[in-house]
Every structure is written in C-alpha cells, then in structure tokens.
Amino acid sequence: KLLILTVGKLEPNRRNYNLLINTIKAIKQNGFENFKITVIGKGKLGDIPEDLSKHFAIKGKLNFPDLYSEMEKAD
C-alpha cells in the first residue's frame, strides 16, 4: 500500500490543493487503488469527490512525536 503524507490545511483555496487532487485522479486513472493520503492539519473532505475521499485520513493537528511517526510510515 502506498502511503502519501501531506502537511497543512486541506482546502480548495490553498496553493497545492489542485495539484494534490489532480495527482490522485491520475493515480486512479492508471488503475492504482491501493493508496492512502494522510493529512496532518485541518480540513474537510466535503469538496473532494467521494471516489477520492475514501483514500484520505485526516489526522488534524499532531504533536511532534506523532507527526514524525506518521512521516516514518509514509512513502
């Protein structure tokens, strides 16, 4: 399973939001379904299509030990 990590608020007006969503769409279009995106920070999945949102796990604000633990798990 591919584990992707992003740090920062997840919302459409953020600079890299569209890049993230378009990358996930491309991954899925290439037939890859076995992945998860962990979001460290605030955000809601309301603006993300349902077929993509199932791949997200929003962790919220974490302390440094937990943040680094998530980083170690990510590819």
Foldseek 3Di string as FASTA:
>chain_A
DAEAEDEDEADDVDDCNVVVLVVLVVCVVVPDDPYAYEYEAHYDCVVPDPSRCVRYDYPHHDDPVVVVVSVVVHD
